Amino acid sequence: ARTLLLNPSILVLDDSTSSVDMETEYLIQQALEAVMQGRTTF
């Protein structure tokens, strides 16, 4: 959330969902897919 608020053109996610279970990661990933639109993401 802290990173998304910055509204950057480039996103860098260094294993950013490694500390969550698969179900929680699935929910986060769904949200991030919308955020990644129009952004270069590593």
PDB file of all heavy atoms in Angstrom:
ATOM      1  N   ALA A   1       0.839  -1.210   0.000  1.00  0.00           N
ATOM      2  CA  ALA A   1       0.000   0.000   0.000  1.00  0.00           C
ATOM      3  C   ALA A   1       0.868   1.253   0.000  1.00  0.00           C
ATOM      4  O   ALA A   1       0.566   2.242  -0.694  1.00  0.00           O
ATOM      5  CB  ALA A   1      -0.917  -0.014   1.216  1.00  0.00           C
ATOM      6  N   ARG A   2       1.945   1.248   0.761  1.00  0.00           N
ATOM      7  CA  ARG A   2       2.860   2.395   0.816  1.00  0.00           C
ATOM      8  C   ARG A   2       3.455   2.684  -0.560  1.00  0.00           C
ATOM      9  O   ARG A   2       3.587   3.845  -0.966  1.00  0.00           O
ATOM     10  CB  ARG A   2       3.962   2.103   1.846  1.00  0.00           C
ATOM     11  CG  ARG A   2       4.985   3.200   2.002  1.00  0.00           C
ATOM     12  CD  ARG A   2       5.883   2.928   3.202  1.00  0.00           C
ATOM     13  NE  ARG A   2       6.631   1.686   3.085  1.00  0.00           N
ATOM     14  CZ  ARG A   2       7.322   1.124   4.091  1.00  0.00           C
ATOM     15  NH1 ARG A   2       7.332   1.690   5.275  1.00  0.00           N
ATOM     16  NH2 ARG A   2       7.967  -0.001   3.910  1.00  0.00           N
ATOM     17  N   THR A   3       3.800   1.631  -1.287  1.00  0.00           N
ATOM     18  CA  THR A   3       4.371   1.807  -2.619  1.00  0.00           C
ATOM     19  C   THR A   3       3.322   2.256  -3.626  1.00  0.00           C
ATOM     20  O   THR A   3       3.569   3.120  -4.466  1.00  0.00           O
ATOM     21  CB  THR A   3       5.022   0.493  -3.080  1.00  0.00           C
ATOM     22  OG1 THR A   3       6.045   0.126  -2.151  1.00  0.00           O
ATOM     23  CG2 THR A   3       5.641   0.642  -4.458  1.00  0.00           C
ATOM     24  N   LEU A   4       2.131   1.677  -3.547  1.00  0.00           N
ATOM     25  CA  LEU A   4       1.074   2.038  -4.490  1.00  0.00           C
ATOM     26  C   LEU A   4       0.678   3.501  -4.359  1.00  0.00           C
ATOM     27  O   LEU A   4       0.323   4.155  -5.343  1.00  0.00           O
ATOM     28  CB  LEU A   4      -0.148   1.151  -4.271  1.00  0.00           C
ATOM     29  CG  LEU A   4       0.037  -0.345  -4.537  1.00  0.00           C
ATOM     30  CD1 LEU A   4      -1.249  -1.097  -4.275  1.00  0.00           C
ATOM     31  CD2 LEU A   4       0.516  -0.577  -5.959  1.00  0.00           C
ATOM     32  N   LEU A   5       0.729   4.031  -3.136  1.00  0.00           N
ATOM     33  CA  LEU A   5       0.369   5.426  -2.914  1.00  0.00           C
ATOM     34  C   LEU A   5       1.307   6.374  -3.659  1.00  0.00           C
ATOM     35  O   LEU A   5       0.926   7.483  -4.031  1.00  0.00           O
ATOM     36  CB  LEU A   5       0.385   5.729  -1.408  1.00  0.00           C
ATOM     37  CG  LEU A   5      -0.206   7.062  -0.969  1.00  0.00           C
ATOM     38  CD1 LEU A   5      -1.685   7.141  -1.316  1.00  0.00           C
ATOM     39  CD2 LEU A   5      -0.011   7.251   0.536  1.00  0.00           C
ATOM     40  N   LEU A   6       2.529   5.920  -3.884  1.00  0.00           N
ATOM     41  CA  LEU A   6       3.507   6.737  -4.614  1.00  0.00           C
ATOM     42  C   LEU A   6       3.122   6.881  -6.092  1.00  0.00           C
ATOM     43  O   LEU A   6       3.580   7.809  -6.760  1.00  0.00           O
ATOM     44  CB  LEU A   6       4.894   6.098  -4.488  1.00  0.00           C
ATOM     45  CG  LEU A   6       6.113   6.884  -4.939  1.00  0.00           C
ATOM     46  CD1 LEU A   6       6.285   8.151  -4.106  1.00  0.00           C
ATOM     47  CD2 LEU A   6       7.368   6.018  -4.849  1.00  0.00           C
ATOM     48  N   ASN A   7       2.298   5.948  -6.591  1.00  0.00           N
ATOM     49  CA  ASN A   7       1.856   5.942  -7.982  1.00  0.00           C
ATOM     50  C   ASN A   7       3.044   6.004  -8.949  1.00  0.00           C
ATOM     51  O   ASN A   7       3.143   6.885  -9.810  1.00  0.00           O
ATOM     52  CB  ASN A   7       0.914   7.125  -8.248  1.00  0.00           C
ATOM     53  CG  ASN A   7       0.218   7.006  -9.598  1.00  0.00           C
ATOM     54  OD1 ASN A   7       0.039   5.907 -10.113  1.00  0.00           O
ATOM     55  ND2 ASN A   7      -0.146   8.141 -10.178  1.00  0.00           N
ATOM     56  N   PRO A   8       3.981   5.053  -8.841  1.00  0.00           N
ATOM     57  CA  PRO A   8       5.182   5.102  -9.678  1.00  0.00           C
ATOM     58  C   PRO A   8       4.918   4.557 -11.073  1.00  0.00           C
ATOM     59  O   PRO A   8       3.962   3.804 -11.300  1.00  0.00           O
ATOM     60  CB  PRO A   8       6.153   4.195  -8.914  1.00  0.00           C
ATOM     61  CG  PRO A   8       5.253   3.172  -8.274  1.00  0.00           C
ATOM     62  CD  PRO A   8       3.970   3.898  -7.932  1.00  0.00           C
ATOM     63  N   SER A   9       5.759   4.917 -12.011  1.00  0.00           N
ATOM     64  CA  SER A   9       5.662   4.373 -13.367  1.00  0.00           C
ATOM     65  C   SER A   9       6.302   2.999 -13.450  1.00  0.00           C
ATOM     66  O   SER A   9       5.985   2.212 -14.343  1.00  0.00           O
ATOM     67  CB  SER A   9       6.350   5.317 -14.360  1.00  0.00           C
ATOM     68  OG  SER A   9       5.737   6.582 -14.349  1.00  0.00           O
ATOM     69  N   ILE A  10       7.238   2.729 -12.531  1.00  0.00           N
ATOM     70  CA  ILE A  10       7.945   1.447 -12.509  1.00  0.00           C
ATOM     71  C   ILE A  10       7.758   0.834 -11.130  1.00  0.00           C
ATOM     72  O   ILE A  10       7.986   1.501 -10.115  1.00  0.00           O
ATOM     73  CB  ILE A  10       9.447   1.634 -12.812  1.00  0.00           C
ATOM     74  CG1 ILE A  10       9.632   2.285 -14.185  1.00  0.00           C
ATOM     75  CG2 ILE A  10      10.182   0.308 -12.738  1.00  0.00           C
ATOM     76  CD1 ILE A  10      11.062   2.697 -14.475  1.00  0.00           C
ATOM     77  N   LEU A  11       7.335  -0.417 -11.095  1.00  0.00           N
ATOM     78  CA  LEU A  11       7.176  -1.141  -9.842  1.00  0.00           C
ATOM     79  C   LEU A  11       8.282  -2.179  -9.706  1.00  0.00           C
ATOM     80  O   LEU A  11       8.610  -2.877 -10.674  1.00  0.00           O
ATOM     81  CB  LEU A  11       5.822  -1.862  -9.792  1.00  0.00           C
ATOM     82  CG  LEU A  11       4.584  -1.067  -9.382  1.00  0.00           C
ATOM     83  CD1 LEU A  11       3.348  -1.945  -9.509  1.00  0.00           C
ATOM     84  CD2 LEU A  11       4.715  -0.556  -7.958  1.00  0.00           C
ATOM     85  N   VAL A  12       8.849  -2.276  -8.509  1.00  0.00           N
ATOM     86  CA  VAL A  12       9.846  -3.294  -8.209  1.00  0.00           C
ATOM     87  C   VAL A  12       9.354  -4.079  -7.007  1.00  0.00           C
ATOM     88  O   VAL A  12       9.228  -3.534  -5.911  1.00  0.00           O
ATOM     89  CB  VAL A  12      11.227  -2.660  -7.909  1.00  0.00           C
ATOM     90  CG1 VAL A  12      12.213  -3.726  -7.456  1.00  0.00           C
ATOM     91  CG2 VAL A  12      11.749  -1.941  -9.137  1.00  0.00           C
ATOM     92  N   LEU A  13       9.027  -5.333  -7.224  1.00  0.00           N
ATOM     93  CA  LEU A  13       8.492  -6.195  -6.171  1.00  0.00           C
ATOM     94  C   LEU A  13       9.502  -7.307  -5.922  1.00  0.00           C
ATOM     95  O   LEU A  13       9.585  -8.275  -6.694  1.00  0.00           O
ATOM     96  CB  LEU A  13       7.134  -6.778  -6.577  1.00  0.00           C
ATOM     97  CG  LEU A  13       6.103  -5.764  -7.081  1.00  0.00           C
ATOM     98  CD1 LEU A  13       4.842  -6.468  -7.556  1.00  0.00           C
ATOM     99  CD2 LEU A  13       5.764  -4.750  -6.006  1.00  0.00           C
ATOM    100  N   ASP A  14      10.280  -7.154  -4.870  1.00  0.00           N
ATOM    101  CA  ASP A  14      11.337  -8.118  -4.566  1.00  0.00           C
ATOM    102  C   ASP A  14      10.747  -9.246  -3.719  1.00  0.00           C
ATOM    103  O   ASP A  14      10.808  -9.216  -2.495  1.00  0.00           O
ATOM    104  CB  ASP A  14      12.484  -7.418  -3.831  1.00  0.00           C
ATOM    105  CG  ASP A  14      13.702  -8.329  -3.701  1.00  0.00           C
ATOM    106  OD1 ASP A  14      13.610  -9.504  -4.090  1.00  0.00           O
ATOM    107  OD2 ASP A  14      14.741  -7.857  -3.205  1.00  0.00           O
ATOM    108  N   ASP A  15      10.163 -10.247  -4.413  1.00  0.00           N
ATOM    109  CA  ASP A  15       9.535 -11.370  -3.724  1.00  0.00           C
ATOM    110  C   ASP A  15       8.535 -10.854  -2.691  1.00  0.00           C
ATOM    111  O   ASP A  15       8.496 -11.305  -1.552  1.00  0.00           O
ATOM    112  CB  ASP A  15      10.598 -12.240  -3.053  1.00  0.00           C
ATOM    113  CG  ASP A  15      10.168 -13.701  -2.981  1.00  0.00           C
ATOM    114  OD1 ASP A  15       9.096 -14.017  -3.528  1.00  0.00           O
ATOM    115  OD2 ASP A  15      10.889 -14.498  -2.377  1.00  0.00           O
ATOM    116  N   SER A  16       7.726  -9.848  -3.110  1.00  0.00           N
ATOM    117  CA  SER A  16       6.920  -9.081  -2.168  1.00  0.00           C
ATOM    118  C   SER A  16       5.758  -9.861  -1.578  1.00  0.00           C
ATOM    119  O   SER A  16       5.110  -9.394  -0.656  1.00  0.00           O
ATOM    120  CB  SER A  16       6.365  -7.833  -2.863  1.00  0.00           C
ATOM    121  OG  SER A  16       5.562  -8.230  -3.957  1.00  0.00           O
ATOM    122  N   THR A  17       5.456 -11.048  -2.106  1.00  0.00           N
ATOM    123  CA  THR A  17       4.377 -11.854  -1.527  1.00  0.00           C
ATOM    124  C   THR A  17       4.903 -13.155  -0.943  1.00  0.00           C
ATOM    125  O   THR A  17       4.156 -14.104  -0.747  1.00  0.00           O
ATOM    126  CB  THR A  17       3.319 -12.171  -2.602  1.00  0.00           C
ATOM    127  OG1 THR A  17       3.947 -12.824  -3.703  1.00  0.00           O
ATOM    128  CG2 THR A  17       2.637 -10.910  -3.081  1.00  0.00           C
ATOM    129  N   SER A  18       6.198 -13.177  -0.623  1.00  0.00           N
ATOM    130  CA  SER A  18       6.797 -14.415  -0.134  1.00  0.00           C
ATOM    131  C   SER A  18       6.377 -14.752   1.283  1.00  0.00           C
ATOM    132  O   SER A  18       6.521 -15.878   1.722  1.00  0.00           O
ATOM    133  CB  SER A  18       8.325 -14.313  -0.205  1.00  0.00           C
ATOM    134  OG  SER A  18       8.781 -13.246   0.610  1.00  0.00           O
ATOM    135  N   SER A  19       5.893 -13.755   2.043  1.00  0.00           N
ATOM    136  CA  SER A  19       5.570 -13.994   3.442  1.00  0.00           C
ATOM    137  C   SER A  19       4.089 -14.272   3.678  1.00  0.00           C
ATOM    138  O   SER A  19       3.637 -14.261   4.805  1.00  0.00           O
ATOM    139  CB  SER A  19       5.996 -12.779   4.289  1.00  0.00           C
ATOM    140  OG  SER A  19       7.380 -12.618   4.238  1.00  0.00           O
ATOM    141  N   VAL A  20       3.315 -14.491   2.599  1.00  0.00           N
ATOM    142  CA  VAL A  20       1.892 -14.734   2.775  1.00  0.00           C
ATOM    143  C   VAL A  20       1.554 -16.117   2.248  1.00  0.00           C
ATOM    144  O   VAL A  20       2.254 -16.686   1.421  1.00  0.00           O
ATOM    145  CB  VAL A  20       1.057 -13.658   2.047  1.00  0.00           C
ATOM    146  CG1 VAL A  20       1.348 -12.286   2.602  1.00  0.00           C
ATOM    147  CG2 VAL A  20       1.301 -13.677   0.541  1.00  0.00           C
ATOM    148  N   ASP A  21       0.429 -16.652   2.724  1.00  0.00           N
ATOM    149  CA  ASP A  21      -0.013 -17.946   2.232  1.00  0.00           C
ATOM    150  C   ASP A  21      -0.552 -17.786   0.814  1.00  0.00           C
ATOM    151  O   ASP A  21      -0.788 -16.674   0.324  1.00  0.00           O
ATOM    152  CB  ASP A  21      -1.072 -18.528   3.161  1.00  0.00           C
ATOM    153  CG  ASP A  21      -2.256 -17.584   3.312  1.00  0.00           C
ATOM    154  OD1 ASP A  21      -3.067 -17.497   2.367  1.00  0.00           O
ATOM    155  OD2 ASP A  21      -2.352 -16.917   4.364  1.00  0.00           O
ATOM    156  N   MET A  22      -0.797 -18.933   0.163  1.00  0.00           N
ATOM    157  CA  MET A  22      -1.166 -18.885  -1.252  1.00  0.00           C
ATOM    158  C   MET A  22      -2.505 -18.195  -1.471  1.00  0.00           C
ATOM    159  O   MET A  22      -2.684 -17.480  -2.455  1.00  0.00           O
ATOM    160  CB  MET A  22      -1.194 -20.300  -1.819  1.00  0.00           C
ATOM    161  CG  MET A  22       0.184 -20.905  -2.027  1.00  0.00           C
ATOM    162  SD  MET A  22       0.123 -22.471  -2.896  1.00  0.00           S
ATOM    163  CE  MET A  22       1.875 -22.844  -3.001  1.00  0.00           C
ATOM    164  N   GLU A  23      -3.453 -18.411  -0.560  1.00  0.00           N
ATOM    165  CA  GLU A  23      -4.762 -17.800  -0.736  1.00  0.00           C
ATOM    166  C   GLU A  23      -4.679 -16.284  -0.607  1.00  0.00           C
ATOM    167  O   GLU A  23      -5.248 -15.537  -1.411  1.00  0.00           O
ATOM    168  CB  GLU A  23      -5.749 -18.363   0.285  1.00  0.00           C
ATOM    169  CG  GLU A  23      -7.182 -17.935   0.016  1.00  0.00           C
ATOM    170  CD  GLU A  23      -8.179 -18.697   0.882  1.00  0.00           C
ATOM    171  OE1 GLU A  23      -7.762 -19.596   1.630  1.00  0.00           O
ATOM    172  OE2 GLU A  23      -9.363 -18.360   0.800  1.00  0.00           O
ATOM    173  N   THR A  24      -3.921 -15.807   0.397  1.00  0.00           N
ATOM    174  CA  THR A  24      -3.748 -14.362   0.564  1.00  0.00           C
ATOM    175  C   THR A  24      -2.968 -13.786  -0.611  1.00  0.00           C
ATOM    176  O   THR A  24      -3.291 -12.713  -1.128  1.00  0.00           O
ATOM    177  CB  THR A  24      -3.002 -14.070   1.877  1.00  0.00           C
ATOM    178  OG1 THR A  24      -3.710 -14.667   2.960  1.00  0.00           O
ATOM    179  CG2 THR A  24      -2.864 -12.585   2.110  1.00  0.00           C
ATOM    180  N   GLU A  25      -1.964 -14.520  -1.055  1.00  0.00           N
ATOM    181  CA  GLU A  25      -1.175 -14.063  -2.198  1.00  0.00           C
ATOM    182  C   GLU A  25      -2.036 -13.969  -3.454  1.00  0.00           C
ATOM    183  O   GLU A  25      -1.881 -13.067  -4.281  1.00  0.00           O
ATOM    184  CB  GLU A  25      -0.010 -15.023  -2.413  1.00  0.00           C
ATOM    185  CG  GLU A  25       1.003 -14.569  -3.480  1.00  0.00           C
ATOM    186  CD  GLU A  25       0.658 -15.106  -4.860  1.00  0.00           C
ATOM    187  OE1 GLU A  25      -0.102 -16.082  -4.927  1.00  0.00           O
ATOM    188  OE2 GLU A  25       1.122 -14.525  -5.849  1.00  0.00           O
ATOM    189  N   TYR A  26      -2.976 -14.904  -3.576  1.00  0.00           N
ATOM    190  CA  TYR A  26      -3.894 -14.896  -4.725  1.00  0.00           C
ATOM    191  C   TYR A  26      -4.739 -13.628  -4.731  1.00  0.00           C
ATOM    192  O   TYR A  26      -4.928 -12.979  -5.769  1.00  0.00           O
ATOM    193  CB  TYR A  26      -4.759 -16.142  -4.649  1.00  0.00           C
ATOM    194  CG  TYR A  26      -5.743 -16.294  -5.787  1.00  0.00           C
ATOM    195  CD1 TYR A  26      -5.314 -16.627  -7.064  1.00  0.00           C
ATOM    196  CD2 TYR A  26      -7.106 -16.104  -5.563  1.00  0.00           C
ATOM    197  CE1 TYR A  26      -6.222 -16.766  -8.103  1.00  0.00           C
ATOM    198  CE2 TYR A  26      -8.015 -16.238  -6.598  1.00  0.00           C
ATOM    199  CZ  TYR A  26      -7.574 -16.572  -7.874  1.00  0.00           C
ATOM    200  OH  TYR A  26      -8.473 -16.702  -8.893  1.00  0.00           O
ATOM    201  N   LEU A  27      -5.223 -13.235  -3.557  1.00  0.00           N
ATOM    202  CA  LEU A  27      -6.022 -12.019  -3.455  1.00  0.00           C
ATOM    203  C   LEU A  27      -5.182 -10.781  -3.762  1.00  0.00           C
ATOM    204  O   LEU A  27      -5.608  -9.874  -4.479  1.00  0.00           O
ATOM    205  CB  LEU A  27      -6.626 -11.909  -2.048  1.00  0.00           C
ATOM    206  CG  LEU A  27      -7.647 -12.991  -1.663  1.00  0.00           C
ATOM    207  CD1 LEU A  27      -8.021 -12.854  -0.187  1.00  0.00           C
ATOM    208  CD2 LEU A  27      -8.886 -12.898  -2.540  1.00  0.00           C
ATOM    209  N   ILE A  28      -3.968 -10.739  -3.200  1.00  0.00           N
ATOM    210  CA  ILE A  28      -3.075  -9.591  -3.456  1.00  0.00           C
ATOM    211  C   ILE A  28      -2.744  -9.499  -4.941  1.00  0.00           C
ATOM    212  O   ILE A  28      -2.725  -8.423  -5.540  1.00  0.00           O
ATOM    213  CB  ILE A  28      -1.791  -9.713  -2.617  1.00  0.00           C
ATOM    214  CG1 ILE A  28      -2.120  -9.597  -1.122  1.00  0.00           C
ATOM    215  CG2 ILE A  28      -0.786  -8.639  -3.002  1.00  0.00           C
ATOM    216  CD1 ILE A  28      -0.932  -9.829  -0.221  1.00  0.00           C
ATOM    217  N   GLN A  29      -2.484 -10.686  -5.540  1.00  0.00           N
ATOM    218  CA  GLN A  29      -2.098 -10.681  -6.941  1.00  0.00           C
ATOM    219  C   GLN A  29      -3.228 -10.158  -7.824  1.00  0.00           C
ATOM    220  O   GLN A  29      -2.993  -9.429  -8.794  1.00  0.00           O
ATOM    221  CB  GLN A  29      -1.701 -12.094  -7.371  1.00  0.00           C
ATOM    222  CG  GLN A  29      -0.987 -12.148  -8.709  1.00  0.00           C
ATOM    223  CD  GLN A  29       0.336 -11.414  -8.660  1.00  0.00           C
ATOM    224  OE1 GLN A  29       1.118 -11.570  -7.726  1.00  0.00           O
ATOM    225  NE2 GLN A  29       0.606 -10.589  -9.646  1.00  0.00           N
ATOM    226  N   GLN A  30      -4.472 -10.496  -7.472  1.00  0.00           N
ATOM    227  CA  GLN A  30      -5.605  -9.973  -8.223  1.00  0.00           C
ATOM    228  C   GLN A  30      -5.637  -8.449  -8.185  1.00  0.00           C
ATOM    229  O   GLN A  30      -5.891  -7.785  -9.197  1.00  0.00           O
ATOM    230  CB  GLN A  30      -6.912 -10.528  -7.643  1.00  0.00           C
ATOM    231  CG  GLN A  30      -7.219 -11.961  -8.046  1.00  0.00           C
ATOM    232  CD  GLN A  30      -8.559 -12.401  -7.499  1.00  0.00           C
ATOM    233  OE1 GLN A  30      -8.913 -12.096  -6.356  1.00  0.00           O
ATOM    234  NE2 GLN A  30      -9.329 -13.117  -8.315  1.00  0.00           N
ATOM    235  N   ALA A  31      -5.372  -7.884  -7.008  1.00  0.00           N
ATOM    236  CA  ALA A  31      -5.353  -6.422  -6.874  1.00  0.00           C
ATOM    237  C   ALA A  31      -4.190  -5.817  -7.643  1.00  0.00           C
ATOM    238  O   ALA A  31      -4.327  -4.789  -8.309  1.00  0.00           O
ATOM    239  CB  ALA A  31      -5.269  -6.033  -5.403  1.00  0.00           C
ATOM    240  N   LEU A  32      -3.033  -6.480  -7.574  1.00  0.00           N
ATOM    241  CA  LEU A  32      -1.842  -5.926  -8.224  1.00  0.00           C
ATOM    242  C   LEU A  32      -1.963  -5.953  -9.744  1.00  0.00           C
ATOM    243  O   LEU A  32      -1.369  -5.124 -10.437  1.00  0.00           O
ATOM    244  CB  LEU A  32      -0.593  -6.698  -7.783  1.00  0.00           C
ATOM    245  CG  LEU A  32      -0.114  -6.445  -6.351  1.00  0.00           C
ATOM    246  CD1 LEU A  32       1.107  -7.293  -6.046  1.00  0.00           C
ATOM    247  CD2 LEU A  32       0.199  -4.971  -6.129  1.00  0.00           C
ATOM    248  N   GLU A  33      -2.706  -6.914 -10.272  1.00  0.00           N
ATOM    249  CA  GLU A  33      -2.843  -6.987 -11.729  1.00  0.00           C
ATOM    250  C   GLU A  33      -3.439  -5.701 -12.292  1.00  0.00           C
ATOM    251  O   GLU A  33      -3.018  -5.211 -13.342  1.00  0.00           O
ATOM    252  CB  GLU A  33      -3.713  -8.197 -12.103  1.00  0.00           C
ATOM    253  CG  GLU A  33      -2.961  -9.508 -12.005  1.00  0.00           C
ATOM    254  CD  GLU A  33      -3.869 -10.705 -12.269  1.00  0.00           C
ATOM    255  OE1 GLU A  33      -5.058 -10.477 -12.597  1.00  0.00           O
ATOM    256  OE2 GLU A  33      -3.387 -11.833 -12.144  1.00  0.00           O
ATOM    257  N   ALA A  34      -4.401  -5.138 -11.556  1.00  0.00           N
ATOM    258  CA  ALA A  34      -4.998  -3.879 -12.008  1.00  0.00           C
ATOM    259  C   ALA A  34      -4.003  -2.736 -11.879  1.00  0.00           C
ATOM    260  O   ALA A  34      -3.930  -1.853 -12.748  1.00  0.00           O
ATOM    261  CB  ALA A  34      -6.253  -3.582 -11.197  1.00  0.00           C
ATOM    262  N   VAL A  35      -3.230  -2.768 -10.804  1.00  0.00           N
ATOM    263  CA  VAL A  35      -2.257  -1.693 -10.566  1.00  0.00           C
ATOM    264  C   VAL A  35      -1.123  -1.744 -11.591  1.00  0.00           C
ATOM    265  O   VAL A  35      -0.580  -0.720 -11.994  1.00  0.00           O
ATOM    266  CB  VAL A  35      -1.692  -1.804  -9.133  1.00  0.00           C
ATOM    267  CG1 VAL A  35      -0.639  -0.741  -8.879  1.00  0.00           C
ATOM    268  CG2 VAL A  35      -2.804  -1.695  -8.124  1.00  0.00           C
ATOM    269  N   MET A  36      -0.768  -2.951 -12.035  1.00  0.00           N
ATOM    270  CA  MET A  36       0.346  -3.101 -12.963  1.00  0.00           C
ATOM    271  C   MET A  36       0.022  -2.577 -14.353  1.00  0.00           C
ATOM    272  O   MET A  36       0.936  -2.333 -15.147  1.00  0.00           O
ATOM    273  CB  MET A  36       0.742  -4.581 -13.059  1.00  0.00           C
ATOM    274  CG  MET A  36       1.424  -5.125 -11.820  1.00  0.00           C
ATOM    275  SD  MET A  36       1.776  -6.901 -11.997  1.00  0.00           S
ATOM    276  CE  MET A  36       2.437  -7.274 -10.360  1.00  0.00           C
ATOM    277  N   GLN A  37      -1.250  -2.407 -14.651  1.00  0.00           N
ATOM    278  CA  GLN A  37      -1.634  -1.922 -15.981  1.00  0.00           C
ATOM    279  C   GLN A  37      -0.994  -0.556 -16.234  1.00  0.00           C
ATOM    280  O   GLN A  37      -1.159   0.380 -15.457  1.00  0.00           O
ATOM    281  CB  GLN A  37      -3.160  -1.812 -16.082  1.00  0.00           C
ATOM    282  CG  GLN A  37      -3.887  -3.145 -15.999  1.00  0.00           C
ATOM    283  CD  GLN A  37      -3.513  -4.072 -17.135  1.00  0.00           C
ATOM    284  OE1 GLN A  37      -3.330  -3.620 -18.273  1.00  0.00           O
ATOM    285  NE2 GLN A  37      -3.392  -5.357 -16.845  1.00  0.00           N
ATOM    286  N   GLY A  38      -0.243  -0.476 -17.330  1.00  0.00           N
ATOM    287  CA  GLY A  38       0.388   0.788 -17.680  1.00  0.00           C
ATOM    288  C   GLY A  38       1.676   1.056 -16.919  1.00  0.00           C
ATOM    289  O   GLY A  38       2.281   2.115 -17.093  1.00  0.00           O
ATOM    290  N   ARG A  39       2.093   0.107 -16.079  1.00  0.00           N
ATOM    291  CA  ARG A  39       3.344   0.279 -15.321  1.00  0.00           C
ATOM    292  C   ARG A  39       4.323  -0.833 -15.680  1.00  0.00           C
ATOM    293  O   ARG A  39       3.937  -2.001 -15.797  1.00  0.00           O
ATOM    294  CB  ARG A  39       3.088   0.242 -13.807  1.00  0.00           C
ATOM    295  CG  ARG A  39       2.366   1.450 -13.265  1.00  0.00           C
ATOM    296  CD  ARG A  39       2.296   1.357 -11.739  1.00  0.00           C
ATOM    297  NE  ARG A  39       1.753   2.565 -11.151  1.00  0.00           N
ATOM    298  CZ  ARG A  39       0.448   2.780 -10.937  1.00  0.00           C
ATOM    299  NH1 ARG A  39      -0.431   1.848 -11.276  1.00  0.00           N
ATOM    300  NH2 ARG A  39       0.031   3.910 -10.409  1.00  0.00           N
ATOM    301  N   THR A  40       5.565  -0.465 -15.819  1.00  0.00           N
ATOM    302  CA  THR A  40       6.607  -1.470 -15.991  1.00  0.00           C
ATOM    303  C   THR A  40       6.867  -2.097 -14.629  1.00  0.00           C
ATOM    304  O   THR A  40       7.113  -1.390 -13.654  1.00  0.00           O
ATOM    305  CB  THR A  40       7.889  -0.828 -16.533  1.00  0.00           C
ATOM    306  OG1 THR A  40       7.571  -0.106 -17.723  1.00  0.00           O
ATOM    307  CG2 THR A  40       8.942  -1.866 -16.818  1.00  0.00           C
ATOM    308  N   THR A  41       6.820  -3.424 -14.578  1.00  0.00           N
ATOM    309  CA  THR A  41       6.924  -4.107 -13.282  1.00  0.00           C
ATOM    310  C   THR A  41       8.010  -5.169 -13.332  1.00  0.00           C
ATOM    311  O   THR A  41       8.041  -6.011 -14.241  1.00  0.00           O
ATOM    312  CB  THR A  41       5.583  -4.765 -12.909  1.00  0.00           C
ATOM    313  OG1 THR A  41       4.548  -3.786 -12.967  1.00  0.00           O
ATOM    314  CG2 THR A  41       5.645  -5.357 -11.513  1.00  0.00           C
ATOM    315  N   PHE A  42       8.913  -5.111 -12.345  1.00  0.00           N
ATOM    316  CA  PHE A  42       9.937  -6.139 -12.154  1.00  0.00           C
ATOM    317  C   PHE A  42       9.583  -6.915 -10.890  1.00  0.00           C
ATOM    318  O   PHE A  42       9.382  -6.324  -9.829  1.00  0.00           O
ATOM    319  CB  PHE A  42      11.319  -5.507 -11.993  1.00  0.00           C
ATOM    320  CG  PHE A  42      11.826  -4.837 -13.240  1.00  0.00           C
ATOM    321  CD1 PHE A  42      11.417  -3.560 -13.581  1.00  0.00           C
ATOM    322  CD2 PHE A  42      12.720  -5.484 -14.074  1.00  0.00           C
ATOM    323  CE1 PHE A  42      11.878  -2.933 -14.726  1.00  0.00           C
ATOM    324  CE2 PHE A  42      13.190  -4.875 -15.228  1.00  0.00           C
ATOM    325  CZ  PHE A  42      12.768  -3.597 -15.561  1.00  0.00           C
TER     326      PHE A  42
END
